[in-house]
Amino acid sequence: MAERIKNPLAQALGLVLSGMRDKMGGISSSQAASKLGLAGSHYRMVEAGSAILQPSRAIRVVQTFPAVQFIPLCQLLVSIQILDGARQSLMDMRTTTALLIEANPALAKVLNKLNSLWKVIETGNSADVADAIVTGGLKDQLCSFLTTEPVTLSADDIDNFMSPTYDHPLSGRLYGKIGNILQGVAPFYLDAVLQLIDNLKNVAPRVTAEELARWEILHRNRFSHIIGIVRKPEIIVDVSTFDYGYFWEEDFRKVVIIYRDGSPRLAKRVHDKIADNLRKKFEAERIKYERHLQTFDSVVNEKLIIRFARDKAADIDEILLHGAVPMNNLWAYIMVNGYVVPFIDNATPDSTGPGLFGTSLGYDETSEKLSKIRKLCSDIGLAL
């Protein structure tokens, strides 16, 4: 290496700023320096990559170069400073770059462009590195990064975005995971997935009781609560289709059934009936359910809650509307991670015919139903 290593990020920033001056009508480096509060010679060293801009200059930079966005600029200037502390060796710079990518994935596309520069930095001179910054795409990538306004979300927004949850019916905690989900996925596949999602938007899935029972078994260690909004509480008495083994899962807390038709006394009768039916089912397969039977009474009494929604018939009717179609039961599965998976059906306690219909709700309808369910639970004094 014929000369001391320059900071390649600083050198790339200098090339970007020089290009921006040209696009701004060719303002001189002296004019840019004056606006930044720097000496002309110092600013020329910045554009050459021989000096670095301090983060304290960030506000003046965005005032001087209107296309530059404040947040990505600050990320870049701090990264330049960190990388500048590793200029004693090429190996240290490469290691620091890898750590920066891990610490700030937003800069990954820019920093990954350095991979094609290390050999040039090791064997060439500053002019060779500058040419490689341009031809290798680092300059264009950095310019795009600096001029793209980031999505600004608060901490609460980041934790509560997109997928509905019971606590946040209009949003959920998916946003913070999207980056990790998409990393390493080829754009070809992402495009195929987006096309599939677009095709499914207006297609309602048809879900039978047997399919829902299979879904429960597959996910029984992944949901913590089930809220059932039903017309008749007797709908849950038949235990032949559903397993109910999730009552004994470590993370499962309770089933809450809120019913419309009947009287308060019906709650105890239904509770006793389902407990009796479930006990008989378990005793018939004692080997499979031996552990469940040992704590049967305490678990069922603690985790099965049935409530009559006195004077709330109109609210339940509204919750049980699927579009404009009245349904009979809505089941909201609150997953351990907070997301909610809802199903709605028209089953009745004595219905067994082919006309039964069940489906899982779409995003907007899920958000709407969760808001109403939370209000209903609050109105009848029920807390999860």
Protein backbone atom coordinates (compact mmCIF):
# COMPACT_ATOMS: atom_id res chain seq x y z
CA MET A 1 0.00 0.00 0.00
CA ALA A 2 1.72 3.13 -1.24
CA GLU A 3 -0.15 5.63 0.96
CA ARG A 4 -2.14 5.75 4.15
CA ILE A 5 -5.62 4.24 3.86
CA LYS A 6 -8.38 6.73 3.22
CA ASN A 7 -11.80 6.20 4.69
CA PRO A 8 -13.77 4.83 1.70
CA LEU A 9 -17.12 5.97 3.12
CA ALA A 10 -15.78 9.50 3.54
CA GLN A 11 -14.37 9.37 0.02
CA ALA A 12 -17.74 8.21 -1.34
CA LEU A 13 -19.55 11.00 0.51
CA GLY A 14 -17.15 13.53 -1.02
CA LEU A 15 -17.94 12.26 -4.51
CA VAL A 16 -21.70 12.43 -3.80
CA LEU A 17 -21.45 16.02 -2.52
CA SER A 18 -19.37 17.03 -5.52
CA GLY A 19 -22.00 15.55 -7.85
CA MET A 20 -24.76 17.35 -5.99
CA ARG A 21 -22.98 20.68 -6.40
CA ASP A 22 -22.97 20.10 -10.17
CA LYS A 23 -26.70 19.33 -10.15
CA MET A 24 -27.38 22.50 -8.14
CA GLY A 25 -26.18 24.68 -10.98
CA GLY A 26 -22.48 24.25 -10.36
CA ILE A 27 -22.07 26.16 -7.11
CA SER A 28 -18.42 26.42 -6.22
CA SER A 29 -16.70 24.49 -3.45
CA SER A 30 -16.01 27.85 -1.78
CA GLN A 31 -19.73 28.66 -1.72
CA ALA A 32 -20.53 25.23 -0.29
CA ALA A 33 -17.78 25.65 2.31
CA SER A 34 -19.16 29.03 3.35
CA LYS A 35 -22.65 27.62 3.84
CA LEU A 36 -21.24 24.76 5.89
CA GLY A 37 -19.14 27.11 8.01
CA LEU A 38 -15.87 25.53 6.84
CA ALA A 39 -12.71 26.90 5.35
CA GLY A 40 -12.51 26.38 1.57
CA SER A 41 -9.44 24.16 1.85
CA HIS A 42 -11.09 22.03 4.54
CA TYR A 43 -14.20 21.46 2.42
CA ARG A 44 -12.09 20.51 -0.61
CA MET A 45 -10.43 17.88 1.60
CA VAL A 46 -13.92 16.60 2.54
CA GLU A 47 -14.81 16.15 -1.11
CA ALA A 48 -11.47 14.41 -1.69
CA GLY A 49 -12.09 12.04 1.23
CA SER A 50 -9.06 13.32 3.14
CA ALA A 51 -11.16 14.90 5.93
CA ILE A 52 -14.44 13.88 7.49
CA LEU A 53 -17.56 15.89 8.23
CA GLN A 54 -18.51 15.90 11.89
CA PRO A 55 -22.12 14.95 12.80
CA SER A 56 -22.45 18.44 14.32
CA ARG A 57 -22.51 19.76 10.74
CA ALA A 58 -25.55 17.66 9.79
CA ILE A 59 -28.10 20.48 9.97
CA ARG A 60 -25.93 22.75 7.81
CA VAL A 61 -25.41 19.93 5.30
CA VAL A 62 -29.16 19.44 4.76
CA GLN A 63 -29.59 23.21 4.51
CA THR A 64 -26.82 23.41 1.89
CA PHE A 65 -27.88 20.28 -0.04
CA PRO A 66 -31.72 20.21 0.08
CA ALA A 67 -31.94 16.73 -1.46
CA VAL A 68 -30.10 15.17 1.50
CA GLN A 69 -32.32 13.75 4.26
CA PHE A 70 -31.34 14.42 7.87
CA ILE A 71 -31.73 10.93 9.42
CA PRO A 72 -29.76 8.94 6.82
CA LEU A 73 -27.10 11.66 6.81
CA CYS A 74 -26.65 11.34 10.59
CA GLN A 75 -26.41 7.56 10.27
CA LEU A 76 -23.75 7.94 7.61
CA LEU A 77 -21.67 10.57 9.45
CA VAL A 78 -21.57 8.47 12.63
CA SER A 79 -20.61 5.39 10.58
CA ILE A 80 -17.83 7.37 8.89
CA GLN A 81 -16.48 8.36 12.29
CA ILE A 82 -16.59 4.77 13.54
CA LEU A 83 -14.87 3.45 10.41
CA ASP A 84 -12.29 6.24 10.64
CA GLY A 85 -11.14 4.81 13.98
CA ALA A 86 -10.21 1.55 12.22
CA ARG A 87 -7.96 2.98 9.48
CA GLN A 88 -4.83 1.52 11.01
CA SER A 89 -5.35 -1.68 9.00
CA LEU A 90 -7.49 -3.00 6.20
CA MET A 91 -8.54 -5.99 8.32
CA ASP A 92 -9.80 -3.68 11.08
CA MET A 93 -11.80 -1.69 8.53
CA ARG A 94 -13.41 -4.85 7.14
CA THR A 95 -14.28 -6.09 10.62
CA THR A 96 -15.72 -2.71 11.61
CA THR A 97 -17.79 -2.61 8.42
CA ALA A 98 -19.30 -6.01 9.24
CA LEU A 99 -20.16 -4.77 12.75
CA LEU A 100 -21.76 -1.63 11.31
CA ILE A 101 -23.95 -3.72 9.00
CA GLU A 102 -25.08 -5.77 11.97
CA ALA A 103 -25.70 -2.70 14.12
CA ASN A 104 -27.48 -0.66 11.43
CA PRO A 105 -29.14 -2.81 8.73
CA ALA A 106 -30.50 0.36 7.09
CA LEU A 107 -26.97 1.05 5.80
CA ALA A 108 -26.36 -2.54 4.68
CA LYS A 109 -26.79 -1.89 0.95
CA VAL A 110 -24.28 0.94 1.11
CA LEU A 111 -21.75 -0.85 3.30
CA ASN A 112 -21.93 -4.06 1.27
CA LYS A 113 -20.63 -2.08 -1.72
CA LEU A 114 -17.32 -1.79 0.15
CA ASN A 115 -16.67 -5.50 -0.42
CA SER A 116 -15.57 -4.84 -4.00
CA LEU A 117 -13.25 -2.01 -2.87
CA TRP A 118 -10.98 -3.74 -0.37
CA LYS A 119 -8.63 -5.18 -3.00
CA VAL A 120 -8.42 -1.82 -4.76
CA ILE A 121 -7.74 -0.05 -1.46
CA GLU A 122 -4.97 -2.54 -0.69
CA THR A 123 -3.19 -2.33 -4.04
CA GLY A 124 -4.20 0.97 -5.65
CA ASN A 125 -4.07 4.68 -4.94
CA SER A 126 -6.78 7.22 -4.08
CA ALA A 127 -7.64 7.83 -7.72
CA ASP A 128 -8.12 4.09 -8.30
CA VAL A 129 -10.38 3.87 -5.24
CA ALA A 130 -12.41 6.87 -6.45
CA ASP A 131 -12.91 5.20 -9.84
CA ALA A 132 -13.98 1.96 -8.13
CA ILE A 133 -16.43 3.85 -5.90
CA VAL A 134 -18.11 5.16 -9.05
CA THR A 135 -17.93 2.05 -11.25
CA GLY A 136 -18.79 -0.34 -8.40
CA GLY A 137 -22.02 1.48 -7.61
CA LEU A 138 -21.13 2.76 -4.14
CA LYS A 139 -21.55 6.40 -5.16
CA ASP A 140 -25.03 5.82 -6.64
CA GLN A 141 -26.11 3.62 -3.73
CA LEU A 142 -24.96 6.21 -1.20
CA CYS A 143 -26.68 9.01 -3.10
CA SER A 144 -29.92 7.03 -3.11
CA PHE A 145 -29.59 6.33 0.63
CA LEU A 146 -28.96 9.98 1.50
CA THR A 147 -31.83 11.31 -0.62
CA THR A 148 -34.50 8.78 0.40
CA GLU A 149 -36.73 9.96 3.22
CA PRO A 150 -37.00 7.18 5.81
CA VAL A 151 -40.30 5.98 7.25
CA THR A 152 -40.43 7.75 10.61
CA LEU A 153 -42.20 5.73 13.30
CA SER A 154 -42.30 6.17 17.03
CA ALA A 155 -41.28 3.31 19.31
CA ASP A 156 -44.95 2.51 19.83
CA ASP A 157 -45.56 2.61 16.08
CA ILE A 158 -42.72 0.19 15.45
CA ASP A 159 -44.07 -2.23 18.05
CA ASN A 160 -47.64 -1.89 16.85
CA PHE A 161 -47.89 -1.97 13.10
CA MET A 162 -49.90 -4.03 10.63
CA SER A 163 -51.18 -7.24 12.21
CA PRO A 164 -54.06 -6.72 14.67
CA THR A 165 -53.63 -7.70 18.30
CA TYR A 166 -56.12 -7.76 21.16
CA ASP A 167 -54.35 -4.91 22.98
CA HIS A 168 -53.92 -2.91 19.77
CA PRO A 169 -56.86 -3.87 17.50
CA LEU A 170 -55.80 -1.53 14.71
CA SER A 171 -52.19 -2.67 14.59
CA GLY A 172 -49.67 -5.22 15.80
CA ARG A 173 -46.04 -6.05 16.44
CA LEU A 174 -45.00 -7.18 12.99
CA TYR A 175 -43.08 -4.18 11.62
CA GLY A 176 -39.95 -4.76 13.69
CA LYS A 177 -39.71 -8.29 12.27
CA ILE A 178 -40.26 -7.51 8.60
CA GLY A 179 -36.61 -6.68 7.92
CA ASN A 180 -35.42 -9.99 9.37
CA ILE A 181 -38.12 -11.90 7.48
CA LEU A 182 -37.11 -10.37 4.12
CA GLN A 183 -33.32 -10.50 4.52
CA GLY A 184 -31.77 -12.89 2.08
CA VAL A 185 -35.00 -13.44 0.10
CA ALA A 186 -34.56 -12.99 -3.65
CA PRO A 187 -36.74 -10.21 -5.15
CA PHE A 188 -38.15 -12.81 -7.55
CA TYR A 189 -39.72 -14.70 -4.64
CA LEU A 190 -40.89 -11.51 -2.93
CA ASP A 191 -42.67 -10.50 -6.12
CA ALA A 192 -44.33 -13.93 -6.30
CA VAL A 193 -45.49 -13.68 -2.68
CA LEU A 194 -46.87 -10.16 -3.19
CA GLN A 195 -48.73 -11.38 -6.28
CA LEU A 196 -50.17 -14.28 -4.30
CA ILE A 197 -51.30 -11.96 -1.49
CA ASP A 198 -52.88 -9.61 -4.02
CA ASN A 199 -54.77 -12.52 -5.61
CA LEU A 200 -56.05 -13.67 -2.21
CA LYS A 201 -57.30 -10.27 -1.03
CA ASN A 202 -60.93 -10.82 -1.95
CA VAL A 203 -61.03 -14.59 -1.56
CA ALA A 204 -62.63 -15.67 1.72
CA PRO A 205 -61.26 -18.97 3.06
CA ARG A 206 -63.94 -21.54 3.88
CA VAL A 207 -63.21 -23.24 7.21
CA THR A 208 -65.14 -26.25 8.52
CA ALA A 209 -65.30 -27.26 12.18
CA GLU A 210 -62.97 -30.19 11.46
CA GLU A 211 -60.44 -27.91 9.77
CA LEU A 212 -60.57 -25.48 12.68
CA ALA A 213 -60.07 -28.38 15.11
CA ARG A 214 -56.97 -29.47 13.15
CA TRP A 215 -55.70 -25.88 13.19
CA GLU A 216 -56.15 -25.80 16.98
CA ILE A 217 -54.14 -28.99 17.43
CA LEU A 218 -51.31 -27.70 15.23
CA HIS A 219 -51.20 -24.38 17.10
CA ARG A 220 -52.23 -25.43 20.60
CA ASN A 221 -48.98 -24.27 22.18
CA ARG A 222 -49.12 -20.93 20.35
CA PHE A 223 -52.29 -19.28 21.64
CA SER A 224 -52.93 -18.01 25.16
CA HIS A 225 -56.64 -17.10 25.08
CA ILE A 226 -59.76 -17.88 23.11
CA ILE A 227 -62.65 -15.43 23.14
CA GLY A 228 -65.93 -16.83 21.87
CA ILE A 229 -68.81 -14.46 21.08
CA VAL A 230 -71.80 -16.75 20.54
CA ARG A 231 -75.56 -16.66 20.37
CA LYS A 232 -76.08 -19.89 22.29
CA PRO A 233 -73.50 -21.20 24.79
CA GLU A 234 -74.55 -24.80 24.12
CA ILE A 235 -72.44 -24.57 20.95
CA ILE A 236 -69.39 -25.58 23.00
CA VAL A 237 -70.95 -28.60 24.76
CA ASP A 238 -70.10 -31.12 22.03
CA VAL A 239 -66.48 -32.16 22.64
CA SER A 240 -66.27 -34.81 19.95
CA THR A 241 -64.69 -32.57 17.31
CA PHE A 242 -62.38 -30.34 19.37
CA ASP A 243 -59.58 -31.69 21.55
CA TYR A 244 -59.44 -29.10 24.37
CA GLY A 245 -56.00 -30.42 25.30
CA TYR A 246 -54.65 -26.89 24.98
CA PHE A 247 -56.17 -26.18 28.42
CA TRP A 248 -53.09 -27.91 29.83
CA GLU A 249 -50.52 -26.08 27.69
CA GLU A 250 -48.12 -23.99 29.76
CA ASP A 251 -48.85 -20.69 27.98
CA PHE A 252 -52.62 -21.12 27.74
CA ARG A 253 -54.61 -18.89 30.12
CA LYS A 254 -58.36 -19.17 29.50
CA VAL A 255 -61.35 -19.61 27.21
CA VAL A 256 -63.91 -16.85 27.58
CA ILE A 257 -67.37 -17.51 26.17
CA ILE A 258 -69.77 -14.55 26.02
CA TYR A 259 -73.29 -15.54 24.98
CA ARG A 260 -76.35 -13.64 23.82
CA ASP A 261 -79.39 -15.91 24.26
CA GLY A 262 -80.55 -17.42 27.54
CA SER A 263 -80.13 -16.39 31.14
CA PRO A 264 -77.29 -16.05 33.68
CA ARG A 265 -78.18 -19.47 35.17
CA LEU A 266 -77.43 -21.11 31.84
CA ALA A 267 -73.73 -20.34 32.23
CA LYS A 268 -73.27 -22.78 35.13
CA ARG A 269 -75.31 -25.52 33.44
CA VAL A 270 -73.24 -25.25 30.26
CA HIS A 271 -70.00 -25.15 32.27
CA ASP A 272 -70.96 -28.30 34.16
CA LYS A 273 -72.10 -30.03 30.97
CA ILE A 274 -68.92 -29.38 29.03
CA ALA A 275 -66.82 -30.41 32.04
CA ASP A 276 -68.79 -33.65 32.31
CA ASN A 277 -68.50 -34.39 28.59
CA LEU A 278 -64.81 -33.58 28.53
CA ARG A 279 -64.09 -35.76 31.56
CA LYS A 280 -65.87 -38.70 29.92
CA LYS A 281 -63.87 -38.15 26.74
CA PHE A 282 -60.59 -38.11 28.64
CA GLU A 283 -61.47 -41.14 30.74
CA ALA A 284 -62.32 -43.08 27.58
CA GLU A 285 -58.72 -42.45 26.45
CA ARG A 286 -57.08 -42.45 29.87
CA ILE A 287 -53.63 -43.40 28.61
CA LYS A 288 -53.56 -40.34 26.33
CA TYR A 289 -55.09 -37.95 28.90
CA GLU A 290 -53.70 -39.30 32.21
CA ARG A 291 -51.86 -36.05 32.96
CA HIS A 292 -54.94 -33.96 32.19
CA LEU A 293 -57.19 -35.98 34.48
CA GLN A 294 -54.89 -35.44 37.46
CA THR A 295 -55.64 -31.71 37.49
CA PHE A 296 -58.93 -31.77 35.59
CA ASP A 297 -61.23 -29.93 38.00
CA SER A 298 -58.82 -27.13 38.90
CA VAL A 299 -57.79 -26.47 35.31
CA VAL A 300 -61.32 -26.47 33.84
CA ASN A 301 -62.69 -24.29 36.65
CA GLU A 302 -59.85 -21.82 36.28
CA LYS A 303 -59.60 -21.66 32.48
CA LEU A 304 -63.19 -21.96 31.25
CA ILE A 305 -65.17 -18.74 31.77
CA ILE A 306 -68.76 -18.43 30.52
CA ARG A 307 -70.61 -15.12 30.83
CA PHE A 308 -74.10 -13.95 29.88
CA ALA A 309 -74.00 -10.51 28.21
CA ARG A 310 -77.10 -9.02 29.80
CA ASP A 311 -78.62 -6.17 27.75
CA LYS A 312 -75.85 -6.50 25.13
CA ALA A 313 -77.78 -8.37 22.44
CA ALA A 314 -77.44 -5.51 19.94
CA ASP A 315 -73.66 -5.33 20.49
CA ILE A 316 -73.30 -9.07 19.97
CA ASP A 317 -75.47 -8.94 16.85
CA GLU A 318 -73.11 -6.30 15.45
CA ILE A 319 -70.03 -8.36 16.29
CA LEU A 320 -71.57 -11.42 14.64
CA LEU A 321 -72.23 -9.67 11.35
CA HIS A 322 -69.92 -10.87 8.60
CA GLY A 323 -70.34 -8.12 6.06
CA ALA A 324 -74.13 -7.91 5.98
CA VAL A 325 -74.68 -11.59 6.83
CA PRO A 326 -75.67 -12.51 10.43
CA MET A 327 -73.50 -15.33 11.81
CA ASN A 328 -73.77 -17.30 15.07
CA ASN A 329 -70.27 -17.58 16.52
CA LEU A 330 -67.01 -15.67 16.44
CA TRP A 331 -63.81 -17.19 17.82
CA ALA A 332 -60.79 -14.96 18.43
CA TYR A 333 -57.55 -16.85 19.12
CA ILE A 334 -55.07 -14.59 20.89
CA MET A 335 -51.64 -15.92 20.05
CA VAL A 336 -48.78 -15.94 22.56
CA ASN A 337 -47.03 -13.22 20.53
CA GLY A 338 -50.14 -11.01 20.77
CA TYR A 339 -51.54 -11.45 17.25
CA VAL A 340 -55.18 -12.43 16.87
CA VAL A 341 -56.52 -15.05 14.45
CA PRO A 342 -60.34 -14.81 14.17
CA PHE A 343 -62.88 -17.25 12.76
CA ILE A 344 -66.61 -16.74 12.30
CA ASP A 345 -69.29 -19.35 11.49
CA ASN A 346 -73.02 -19.98 11.31
CA ALA A 347 -73.07 -23.25 13.28
CA THR A 348 -75.81 -23.92 15.85
CA PRO A 349 -75.89 -26.50 18.67
CA ASP A 350 -77.99 -28.88 16.58
CA SER A 351 -76.71 -28.13 13.06
CA THR A 352 -74.88 -30.86 11.18
CA GLY A 353 -75.90 -30.25 7.56
CA PRO A 354 -73.81 -29.20 4.54
CA GLY A 355 -75.02 -25.59 4.74
CA LEU A 356 -72.58 -24.74 7.55
CA PHE A 357 -70.15 -21.98 6.71
CA GLY A 358 -67.08 -20.72 8.52
CA THR A 359 -64.29 -18.40 7.49
CA SER A 360 -61.34 -16.44 8.80
CA LEU A 361 -61.78 -12.67 8.76
CA GLY A 362 -59.78 -10.21 6.70
CA TYR A 363 -57.52 -7.52 8.13
CA ASP A 364 -60.00 -4.63 8.26
CA GLU A 365 -62.83 -6.74 9.64
CA THR A 366 -60.52 -8.25 12.27
CA SER A 367 -59.50 -4.80 13.48
CA GLU A 368 -63.14 -3.69 13.61
CA LYS A 369 -64.29 -6.80 15.51
CA LEU A 370 -61.47 -6.61 18.06
CA SER A 371 -62.35 -3.03 18.96
CA LYS A 372 -65.97 -4.06 19.55
CA ILE A 373 -65.00 -7.19 21.50
CA ARG A 374 -62.78 -5.18 23.82
CA LYS A 375 -65.63 -2.75 24.47
CA LEU A 376 -68.05 -5.62 25.13
CA CYS A 377 -65.64 -7.26 27.60
CA SER A 378 -65.19 -3.93 29.37
CA ASP A 379 -68.93 -3.31 29.53
CA ILE A 380 -69.62 -6.64 31.24
CA GLY A 381 -66.67 -6.25 33.62
CA LEU A 382 -64.53 -8.98 32.08
CA ALA A 383 -60.75 -8.65 31.92
CA LEU A 384 -58.35 -11.09 30.35
